[in-house]
N, C-alpha and C. Protein backbone atom coordinates (compact mmCIF):
# COMPACT_ATOMS: atom_id res chain seq x y z
N UNK A 1 1.23 -21.27 -14.78
CA UNK A 1 0.39 -20.49 -13.87
C UNK A 1 1.24 -19.46 -13.13
N UNK A 2 2.43 -19.85 -12.72
CA UNK A 2 3.30 -18.93 -12.00
C UNK A 2 3.58 -17.69 -12.84
N UNK A 3 3.75 -17.87 -14.15
CA UNK A 3 3.98 -16.75 -15.04
C UNK A 3 2.82 -15.76 -14.99
N UNK A 4 1.60 -16.29 -14.98
CA UNK A 4 0.42 -15.44 -14.93
C UNK A 4 0.37 -14.67 -13.61
N UNK A 5 0.76 -15.33 -12.54
CA UNK A 5 0.69 -14.69 -11.22
C UNK A 5 1.80 -13.67 -11.00
N UNK A 6 2.78 -13.62 -11.88
CA UNK A 6 3.81 -12.58 -11.78
C UNK A 6 3.21 -11.19 -11.91
N UNK A 7 2.02 -11.10 -12.46
CA UNK A 7 1.33 -9.81 -12.60
C UNK A 7 0.75 -9.33 -11.27
N UNK A 8 0.67 -10.21 -10.30
CA UNK A 8 0.11 -9.85 -8.99
C UNK A 8 1.26 -9.57 -8.05
N UNK A 9 1.27 -8.37 -7.48
CA UNK A 9 2.34 -7.97 -6.57
C UNK A 9 1.75 -7.63 -5.20
N UNK A 10 2.57 -7.84 -4.20
CA UNK A 10 2.19 -7.50 -2.83
C UNK A 10 3.31 -6.64 -2.26
N UNK A 11 2.96 -5.39 -1.97
CA UNK A 11 3.94 -4.42 -1.48
C UNK A 11 3.28 -3.65 -0.34
N UNK A 12 3.84 -3.71 0.86
CA UNK A 12 3.24 -3.03 2.01
C UNK A 12 3.02 -1.53 1.78
N UNK A 13 3.76 -0.93 0.87
CA UNK A 13 3.60 0.51 0.63
C UNK A 13 2.55 0.85 -0.43
N UNK A 14 1.94 -0.18 -1.01
CA UNK A 14 0.90 0.04 -2.02
C UNK A 14 -0.39 -0.62 -1.54
N UNK A 15 -1.42 0.18 -1.40
CA UNK A 15 -2.75 -0.30 -0.99
C UNK A 15 -2.70 -1.17 0.27
N UNK A 16 -1.88 -0.74 1.23
CA UNK A 16 -1.77 -1.41 2.54
C UNK A 16 -1.39 -2.88 2.41
N UNK A 17 -0.62 -3.21 1.37
CA UNK A 17 -0.14 -4.58 1.21
C UNK A 17 -1.13 -5.54 0.58
N UNK A 18 -2.24 -5.02 0.08
CA UNK A 18 -3.20 -5.90 -0.60
C UNK A 18 -2.60 -6.35 -1.93
N UNK A 19 -2.96 -7.56 -2.38
CA UNK A 19 -2.49 -8.01 -3.69
C UNK A 19 -3.00 -7.05 -4.78
N UNK A 20 -2.09 -6.57 -5.62
CA UNK A 20 -2.42 -5.59 -6.66
C UNK A 20 -1.87 -6.05 -8.00
N UNK A 21 -2.32 -5.38 -9.04
CA UNK A 21 -1.86 -5.67 -10.39
C UNK A 21 -0.60 -4.88 -10.69
N UNK A 22 0.46 -5.57 -11.03
CA UNK A 22 1.73 -5.01 -11.50
C UNK A 22 2.21 -3.79 -10.73
N UNK A 23 2.07 -3.79 -9.43
CA UNK A 23 2.56 -2.68 -8.62
C UNK A 23 1.73 -1.42 -8.72
N UNK A 24 0.64 -1.47 -9.46
CA UNK A 24 -0.25 -0.30 -9.57
C UNK A 24 -1.24 -0.34 -8.41
N UNK A 25 -1.98 0.71 -8.28
CA UNK A 25 -2.98 0.77 -7.22
C UNK A 25 -4.31 0.18 -7.69
N UNK A 26 -4.21 -1.02 -8.20
CA UNK A 26 -5.37 -1.80 -8.63
C UNK A 26 -5.41 -3.10 -7.84
N UNK A 27 -6.08 -3.10 -6.67
CA UNK A 27 -6.17 -4.34 -5.90
C UNK A 27 -6.96 -5.42 -6.64
N UNK A 28 -6.55 -6.65 -6.45
CA UNK A 28 -7.25 -7.79 -7.04
C UNK A 28 -8.73 -7.73 -6.68
N UNK A 29 -9.03 -7.38 -5.44
CA UNK A 29 -10.43 -7.38 -5.00
C UNK A 29 -11.29 -6.41 -5.80
N UNK A 30 -10.72 -5.30 -6.26
CA UNK A 30 -11.49 -4.33 -7.06
C UNK A 30 -11.84 -4.93 -8.42
N UNK A 31 -10.89 -5.64 -9.03
CA UNK A 31 -11.16 -6.29 -10.32
C UNK A 31 -12.23 -7.36 -10.15
N UNK A 32 -12.11 -8.17 -9.10
CA UNK A 32 -13.11 -9.21 -8.85
C UNK A 32 -14.48 -8.57 -8.61
N UNK A 33 -14.50 -7.45 -7.90
CA UNK A 33 -15.76 -6.74 -7.65
C UNK A 33 -16.39 -6.25 -8.96
N UNK A 34 -15.57 -5.71 -9.85
CA UNK A 34 -16.11 -5.24 -11.14
C UNK A 34 -16.70 -6.40 -11.93
N UNK A 35 -16.00 -7.53 -11.95
CA UNK A 35 -16.52 -8.69 -12.65
C UNK A 35 -17.80 -9.19 -11.99
N UNK A 36 -17.81 -9.19 -10.67
CA UNK A 36 -19.00 -9.62 -9.92
C UNK A 36 -20.20 -8.73 -10.12
N UNK A 37 -19.94 -7.46 -10.44
CA UNK A 37 -21.06 -6.53 -10.66
C UNK A 37 -21.65 -6.69 -12.06
N UNK A 38 -21.01 -7.55 -12.87
CA UNK A 38 -21.55 -7.81 -14.19
C UNK A 38 -20.76 -7.21 -15.33
N UNK A 39 -19.70 -6.47 -15.02
CA UNK A 39 -18.88 -5.91 -16.09
C UNK A 39 -18.15 -7.04 -16.81
N UNK A 40 -18.02 -6.90 -18.11
CA UNK A 40 -17.25 -7.87 -18.88
C UNK A 40 -15.78 -7.45 -18.87
N UNK A 41 -14.92 -8.37 -19.25
CA UNK A 41 -13.51 -8.04 -19.36
C UNK A 41 -13.32 -6.89 -20.33
N UNK A 42 -14.04 -6.93 -21.44
CA UNK A 42 -13.91 -5.88 -22.45
C UNK A 42 -14.34 -4.52 -21.90
N UNK A 43 -15.40 -4.48 -21.10
CA UNK A 43 -15.85 -3.22 -20.51
C UNK A 43 -14.81 -2.67 -19.54
N UNK A 44 -14.24 -3.54 -18.74
CA UNK A 44 -13.20 -3.10 -17.80
C UNK A 44 -12.01 -2.53 -18.56
N UNK A 45 -11.58 -3.22 -19.60
CA UNK A 45 -10.44 -2.78 -20.38
C UNK A 45 -10.72 -1.46 -21.10
N UNK A 46 -11.93 -1.29 -21.59
CA UNK A 46 -12.30 -0.02 -22.25
C UNK A 46 -12.32 1.14 -21.26
N UNK A 47 -12.79 0.89 -20.05
CA UNK A 47 -12.88 1.94 -19.03
C UNK A 47 -11.53 2.26 -18.39
N UNK A 48 -10.63 1.29 -18.36
CA UNK A 48 -9.35 1.43 -17.65
C UNK A 48 -8.24 0.93 -18.56
N UNK A 49 -7.79 1.78 -19.43
CA UNK A 49 -6.88 1.37 -20.50
C UNK A 49 -5.48 1.01 -20.02
N UNK A 50 -5.15 1.29 -18.76
CA UNK A 50 -3.85 0.88 -18.23
C UNK A 50 -3.83 -0.62 -17.89
N UNK A 51 -5.01 -1.23 -17.87
CA UNK A 51 -5.11 -2.66 -17.57
C UNK A 51 -5.04 -3.47 -18.86
N UNK A 52 -4.61 -4.71 -18.72
CA UNK A 52 -4.53 -5.64 -19.84
C UNK A 52 -5.34 -6.88 -19.50
N UNK A 53 -5.79 -7.57 -20.53
CA UNK A 53 -6.60 -8.77 -20.33
C UNK A 53 -5.88 -9.76 -19.40
N UNK A 54 -4.58 -9.89 -19.57
CA UNK A 54 -3.80 -10.82 -18.75
C UNK A 54 -3.84 -10.43 -17.27
N UNK A 55 -3.98 -9.13 -16.97
CA UNK A 55 -4.11 -8.68 -15.58
C UNK A 55 -5.38 -9.24 -14.96
N UNK A 56 -6.46 -9.16 -15.70
CA UNK A 56 -7.75 -9.63 -15.19
C UNK A 56 -7.73 -11.14 -15.02
N UNK A 57 -7.16 -11.84 -15.97
CA UNK A 57 -7.05 -13.30 -15.86
C UNK A 57 -6.17 -13.69 -14.68
N UNK A 58 -5.12 -12.91 -14.43
CA UNK A 58 -4.26 -13.17 -13.28
C UNK A 58 -5.03 -12.99 -11.97
N UNK A 59 -5.91 -11.98 -11.92
CA UNK A 59 -6.73 -11.77 -10.72
C UNK A 59 -7.65 -12.96 -10.48
N UNK A 60 -8.23 -13.49 -11.53
CA UNK A 60 -9.11 -14.66 -11.38
C UNK A 60 -8.32 -15.87 -10.92
N UNK A 61 -7.14 -16.06 -11.45
CA UNK A 61 -6.29 -17.18 -11.03
C UNK A 61 -5.89 -17.02 -9.57
N UNK A 62 -5.50 -15.81 -9.19
CA UNK A 62 -5.12 -15.54 -7.81
C UNK A 62 -6.29 -15.85 -6.87
N UNK A 63 -7.48 -15.38 -7.22
CA UNK A 63 -8.67 -15.61 -6.38
C UNK A 63 -8.98 -17.10 -6.27
N UNK A 64 -8.85 -17.82 -7.37
CA UNK A 64 -9.11 -19.26 -7.34
C UNK A 64 -8.15 -19.97 -6.40
N UNK A 65 -6.86 -19.64 -6.52
CA UNK A 65 -5.86 -20.27 -5.64
C UNK A 65 -6.11 -19.92 -4.18
N UNK A 66 -6.41 -18.66 -3.93
CA UNK A 66 -6.66 -18.21 -2.56
C UNK A 66 -7.85 -18.96 -1.95
N UNK A 67 -8.93 -19.04 -2.70
CA UNK A 67 -10.14 -19.69 -2.19
C UNK A 67 -10.00 -21.20 -2.06
N UNK A 68 -9.11 -21.79 -2.86
CA UNK A 68 -8.94 -23.24 -2.79
C UNK A 68 -7.96 -23.64 -1.68
N UNK A 69 -7.37 -22.64 -1.01
CA UNK A 69 -6.50 -22.94 0.12
C UNK A 69 -5.04 -23.14 -0.24
N UNK A 70 -4.69 -22.91 -1.50
CA UNK A 70 -3.27 -23.02 -1.90
C UNK A 70 -2.46 -21.89 -1.29
N UNK A 71 -1.22 -22.17 -1.05
CA UNK A 71 -0.32 -21.14 -0.55
C UNK A 71 0.02 -20.18 -1.68
N UNK A 72 -0.42 -18.97 -1.57
CA UNK A 72 -0.19 -17.97 -2.60
C UNK A 72 1.29 -17.60 -2.65
N UNK A 73 1.96 -17.57 -1.52
CA UNK A 73 3.38 -17.19 -1.47
C UNK A 73 4.23 -18.09 -2.35
N UNK A 74 3.87 -19.37 -2.43
CA UNK A 74 4.61 -20.29 -3.27
C UNK A 74 4.41 -19.96 -4.75
N UNK A 75 3.25 -19.41 -5.09
CA UNK A 75 2.91 -19.15 -6.47
C UNK A 75 3.38 -17.78 -6.94
N UNK A 76 3.29 -16.76 -6.06
CA UNK A 76 3.62 -15.39 -6.47
C UNK A 76 5.11 -15.16 -6.39
């Protein structure tokens, strides 16, 4: 799991320190929002070719850990 979460970075100089994908300006919350709006992983990847399937799966893992109360700092 830790390997998957290596794709999630937190940098105060990028998106105000929000968790993002691989140092890009893609906050985890935006990916979760796209999935929540009904977009499939394939649709997201087709629309945003800089993203990879593993990025989206990492966002889901990050969200699960965050919501379950696990310490994200230990994982990232």
